[in-house]
Amino acid sequence: MRLCSAFVALLLVLPASAQPAAAPAAAQPTVTFVFDWSQGIPWQAYSITVRADGGTHFQGTPAPGKAGRDTDLFQQDFTMSEANRSKIFDLAKKLNYFQGDFDSRLKHIAQTGRKMLEYNSADKHGSTSYNWSQNADVQELSRLFVAIANTLDYGRKLSFQYRFDKLGMDARLNELEYIRANHYAEELNVIAPILRQIADDPDMMHISRQTAQHLLRTLSGPGQPNATPAQP
């Protein structure tokens, strides 16, 4: 009887243990922007990879500062706003997932660095490299990614100045306000913590606190992008 019971128990266990392991989740579609130029400022090189769920990874090498300092690799992960995430993937689809040559063939175009747009998913892959493109959709993607890189640059600079150069904070904040107003700073929610730290610090200059408060008021909520100009 014991042998029979053990055999029945084994039959009950076997189907469960024989189940194949769950297949890993398919890799999410991604769009990547890469910039590379030895004369680039504030970044000599960087990449921004956006997943379909909004998860975003930035990795960049800053341009050398005074005496060649400040060239350590900088990385940051954040969640992109839904509006900008949708814009990026919609434009990638409109551009046939970057399967084409979008580089301008016009003569006398200034060198502004090598740029690459790349799309990757389980069933599609495309990439295109360019210095400058006449395509309005490629231009908008370039503007958006450059604006995100600018925001991250100001985030690290504001953090440095908060610790070591509070007297120069107002000039830095005014620079950020200027490029934000001209649509060359995006995803300011990523640097909201340092802006709040400045705005709430009674030891900061009043004008700096006011500017930081104004920048925070331009944020329309968590994960929301800045207003952008209409497409040409």
Protein backbone atom coordinates (compact mmCIF):
# COMPACT_ATOMS: atom_id res chain seq x y z
CA MET A 1 0.00 0.00 0.00
CA ARG A 2 2.83 2.37 0.85
CA LEU A 3 4.45 1.64 -2.51
CA CYS A 4 1.16 2.36 -4.31
CA SER A 5 0.71 5.64 -2.44
CA ALA A 6 4.24 6.72 -3.28
CA PHE A 7 3.67 5.89 -6.94
CA VAL A 8 0.46 7.98 -7.02
CA ALA A 9 2.28 10.88 -5.35
CA LEU A 10 5.04 10.66 -7.95
CA LEU A 11 2.48 10.81 -10.76
CA LEU A 12 1.00 13.95 -9.20
CA VAL A 13 4.38 15.61 -8.94
CA LEU A 14 5.72 14.72 -12.38
CA PRO A 15 3.38 16.85 -14.53
CA ALA A 16 4.21 19.97 -12.54
CA SER A 17 7.95 19.36 -12.59
CA ALA A 18 7.88 18.46 -16.26
CA GLN A 19 6.38 21.82 -17.25
CA PRO A 20 8.82 23.78 -19.45
CA ALA A 21 10.31 26.91 -17.89
CA ALA A 22 8.42 30.08 -18.70
CA ALA A 23 9.88 31.80 -21.73
CA PRO A 24 11.65 35.09 -20.92
CA ALA A 25 9.74 38.21 -21.80
CA ALA A 26 10.54 39.47 -25.27
CA ALA A 27 12.93 42.38 -25.35
CA GLN A 28 11.07 45.66 -25.60
CA PRO A 29 11.37 47.80 -28.73
CA THR A 30 13.92 50.57 -28.29
CA VAL A 31 14.92 53.77 -30.02
CA THR A 32 18.50 54.95 -29.55
CA PHE A 33 20.10 58.28 -30.40
CA VAL A 34 23.90 58.49 -30.53
CA PHE A 35 26.02 61.65 -30.77
CA ASP A 36 29.77 61.66 -31.31
CA TRP A 37 32.00 64.69 -31.94
CA SER A 38 35.36 65.50 -30.39
CA GLN A 39 34.47 69.22 -30.43
CA GLY A 40 31.00 68.70 -28.96
CA ILE A 41 29.88 70.89 -26.03
CA PRO A 42 28.65 70.09 -23.41
CA TRP A 43 29.00 66.41 -24.43
CA GLN A 44 31.70 64.95 -26.64
CA ALA A 45 29.70 61.76 -26.97
CA TYR A 46 26.48 60.37 -25.58
CA SER A 47 23.70 57.89 -26.21
CA ILE A 48 20.05 57.90 -25.14
CA THR A 49 18.07 54.66 -25.32
CA VAL A 50 14.30 54.76 -24.83
CA ARG A 51 12.29 51.59 -24.29
CA ALA A 52 8.66 51.19 -25.34
CA ASP A 53 7.60 51.42 -21.67
CA GLY A 54 9.39 54.77 -21.27
CA GLY A 55 12.40 53.48 -19.39
CA THR A 56 15.36 55.56 -20.56
CA HIS A 57 19.11 55.25 -20.15
CA PHE A 58 21.56 58.10 -20.77
CA GLN A 59 25.31 57.65 -21.00
CA GLY A 60 27.64 60.49 -21.90
CA THR A 61 31.21 61.77 -21.84
CA PRO A 62 31.36 65.48 -21.00
CA ALA A 63 33.57 67.88 -22.90
CA PRO A 64 36.74 68.71 -20.94
CA GLY A 65 36.36 71.55 -18.49
CA LYS A 66 39.09 73.76 -17.12
CA ALA A 67 42.49 72.07 -17.13
CA GLY A 68 40.96 69.07 -18.90
CA ARG A 69 38.86 68.02 -15.90
CA ASP A 70 35.27 66.72 -15.79
CA THR A 71 35.47 63.98 -18.43
CA ASP A 72 34.25 61.10 -16.26
CA LEU A 73 31.52 58.98 -17.81
CA PHE A 74 28.07 60.14 -16.66
CA GLN A 75 25.04 57.83 -16.59
CA GLN A 76 21.43 58.28 -15.55
CA ASP A 77 18.24 56.23 -15.78
CA PHE A 78 14.78 57.81 -15.75
CA THR A 79 11.26 57.34 -17.06
CA MET A 80 10.46 59.49 -20.07
CA SER A 81 7.18 61.37 -20.24
CA GLU A 82 4.41 59.60 -22.12
CA ALA A 83 4.09 62.43 -24.66
CA ASN A 84 7.76 62.39 -25.63
CA ARG A 85 7.95 58.59 -25.58
CA SER A 86 4.96 58.42 -27.95
CA LYS A 87 6.43 61.10 -30.18
CA ILE A 88 9.72 59.23 -30.50
CA PHE A 89 8.15 55.89 -31.42
CA ASP A 90 5.57 57.48 -33.71
CA LEU A 91 8.28 59.32 -35.63
CA ALA A 92 10.40 56.14 -35.79
CA LYS A 93 7.45 54.37 -37.43
CA LYS A 94 6.84 57.30 -39.79
CA LEU A 95 10.51 57.15 -40.82
CA ASN A 96 10.22 53.41 -41.57
CA TYR A 97 12.26 52.62 -38.47
CA PHE A 98 15.26 54.53 -39.86
CA GLN A 99 15.72 52.29 -42.87
CA GLY A 100 17.01 54.90 -45.25
CA ASP A 101 19.59 57.59 -45.89
CA PHE A 102 18.53 60.88 -44.30
CA ASP A 103 21.85 62.72 -44.46
CA SER A 104 21.77 66.01 -46.35
CA ARG A 105 23.76 66.12 -49.56
CA LEU A 106 23.89 69.91 -49.61
CA LYS A 107 27.37 71.39 -49.94
CA HIS A 108 28.97 73.62 -47.32
CA ILE A 109 26.98 72.17 -44.40
CA ALA A 110 28.85 72.81 -41.17
CA GLN A 111 30.07 69.80 -39.23
CA THR A 112 27.95 69.38 -36.10
CA GLY A 113 28.93 65.85 -35.12
CA ARG A 114 27.97 62.35 -36.19
CA LYS A 115 24.47 61.39 -35.15
CA MET A 116 22.74 58.04 -35.38
CA LEU A 117 19.14 56.95 -34.90
CA GLU A 118 18.53 53.25 -34.35
CA TYR A 119 15.40 51.14 -33.85
CA ASN A 120 15.45 47.62 -32.43
CA SER A 121 12.62 45.17 -31.77
CA ALA A 122 12.03 41.44 -32.05
CA ASP A 123 11.16 41.72 -35.74
CA LYS A 124 12.56 45.04 -36.94
CA HIS A 125 15.91 46.77 -37.05
CA GLY A 126 16.98 49.95 -38.73
CA SER A 127 19.60 52.64 -38.30
CA THR A 128 20.71 55.78 -40.06
CA SER A 129 23.70 58.08 -39.56
CA TYR A 130 23.89 61.74 -40.47
CA ASN A 131 25.57 65.05 -39.78
CA TRP A 132 22.50 67.13 -40.66
CA SER A 133 19.21 66.14 -42.25
CA GLN A 134 16.68 68.10 -44.28
CA ASN A 135 13.94 65.74 -43.12
CA ALA A 136 11.69 67.59 -40.64
CA ASP A 137 10.97 64.44 -38.61
CA VAL A 138 14.66 63.61 -38.24
CA GLN A 139 15.25 67.23 -37.23
CA GLU A 140 12.56 66.99 -34.55
CA LEU A 141 13.99 63.77 -33.14
CA SER A 142 17.45 65.35 -33.08
CA ARG A 143 16.13 68.45 -31.31
CA LEU A 144 14.32 66.36 -28.73
CA PHE A 145 17.27 64.13 -27.89
CA VAL A 146 19.70 67.06 -27.80
CA ALA A 147 17.30 68.90 -25.49
CA ILE A 148 17.21 65.92 -23.12
CA ALA A 149 21.02 65.78 -23.10
CA ASN A 150 21.08 69.50 -22.29
CA THR A 151 18.74 68.99 -19.33
CA LEU A 152 20.90 66.23 -17.88
CA ASP A 153 23.97 68.41 -18.32
CA TYR A 154 22.34 71.23 -16.36
CA GLY A 155 21.22 68.80 -13.68
CA ARG A 156 24.79 67.71 -12.95
CA LYS A 157 26.08 71.29 -13.17
CA LEU A 158 23.43 72.61 -10.78
CA SER A 159 24.29 69.83 -8.32
CA PHE A 160 27.97 70.78 -8.50
CA GLN A 161 27.26 74.49 -8.03
CA TYR A 162 24.90 73.83 -5.16
CA ARG A 163 27.81 72.26 -3.31
CA PHE A 164 30.71 74.46 -4.40
CA ASP A 165 29.57 77.67 -6.14
CA LYS A 166 26.26 78.99 -4.85
CA LEU A 167 27.15 82.55 -5.89
CA GLY A 168 27.19 81.45 -9.53
CA MET A 169 23.88 79.63 -9.27
CA ASP A 170 21.69 82.44 -10.59
CA ALA A 171 23.61 82.70 -13.88
CA ARG A 172 23.36 78.93 -14.39
CA LEU A 173 19.63 78.90 -13.68
CA ASN A 174 19.08 81.79 -16.08
CA GLU A 175 20.89 79.83 -18.79
CA LEU A 176 18.60 76.88 -18.17
CA GLU A 177 15.52 79.08 -18.27
CA TYR A 178 16.65 80.56 -21.59
CA ILE A 179 17.21 77.23 -23.34
CA ARG A 180 13.96 75.85 -21.89
CA ALA A 181 12.04 78.81 -23.33
CA ASN A 182 13.66 78.12 -26.71
CA HIS A 183 12.76 74.40 -26.59
CA TYR A 184 16.31 73.14 -26.06
CA ALA A 185 15.70 71.64 -22.63
CA GLU A 186 13.26 68.73 -22.31
CA GLU A 187 12.22 66.37 -19.51
CA LEU A 188 12.97 68.88 -16.75
CA ASN A 189 11.15 66.55 -14.35
CA VAL A 190 14.35 64.49 -14.33
CA ILE A 191 16.21 67.32 -12.56
CA ALA A 192 13.27 68.46 -10.42
CA PRO A 193 14.94 67.20 -7.18
CA ILE A 194 17.90 69.61 -7.44
CA LEU A 195 15.58 72.45 -8.51
CA ARG A 196 13.43 71.85 -5.41
CA GLN A 197 16.53 71.70 -3.23
CA ILE A 198 17.58 75.11 -4.51
CA ALA A 199 14.09 76.57 -4.26
CA ASP A 200 13.63 75.38 -0.65
CA ASP A 201 17.04 76.39 0.68
CA PRO A 202 16.81 79.56 2.82
CA ASP A 203 20.59 79.99 2.54
CA MET A 204 20.40 80.42 -1.25
CA MET A 205 20.18 83.87 -2.81
CA HIS A 206 16.54 84.94 -3.11
CA ILE A 207 16.80 85.47 -6.87
CA SER A 208 18.14 81.93 -7.35
CA ARG A 209 15.30 80.48 -5.29
CA GLN A 210 12.79 82.45 -7.36
CA THR A 211 14.23 81.22 -10.66
CA ALA A 212 14.24 77.61 -9.44
CA GLN A 213 10.61 78.01 -8.31
CA HIS A 214 9.66 79.41 -11.72
CA LEU A 215 11.30 76.45 -13.49
CA LEU A 216 9.41 74.05 -11.23
CA ARG A 217 6.14 75.79 -12.09
CA THR A 218 6.76 75.13 -15.78
CA LEU A 219 6.50 71.41 -15.07
CA SER A 220 2.96 70.37 -15.81
CA GLY A 221 3.13 67.28 -13.65
CA PRO A 222 5.14 64.06 -13.21
CA GLY A 223 6.29 62.66 -16.51
CA GLN A 224 5.06 65.62 -18.55
CA PRO A 225 7.22 67.22 -21.25
CA ASN A 226 7.76 70.88 -21.94
CA ALA A 227 5.68 72.50 -24.62
CA THR A 228 7.36 72.15 -28.01
CA PRO A 229 6.99 74.20 -31.16
CA ALA A 230 4.67 73.10 -33.95
CA GLN A 231 6.22 70.98 -36.67
CA PRO A 232 7.29 72.97 -39.73
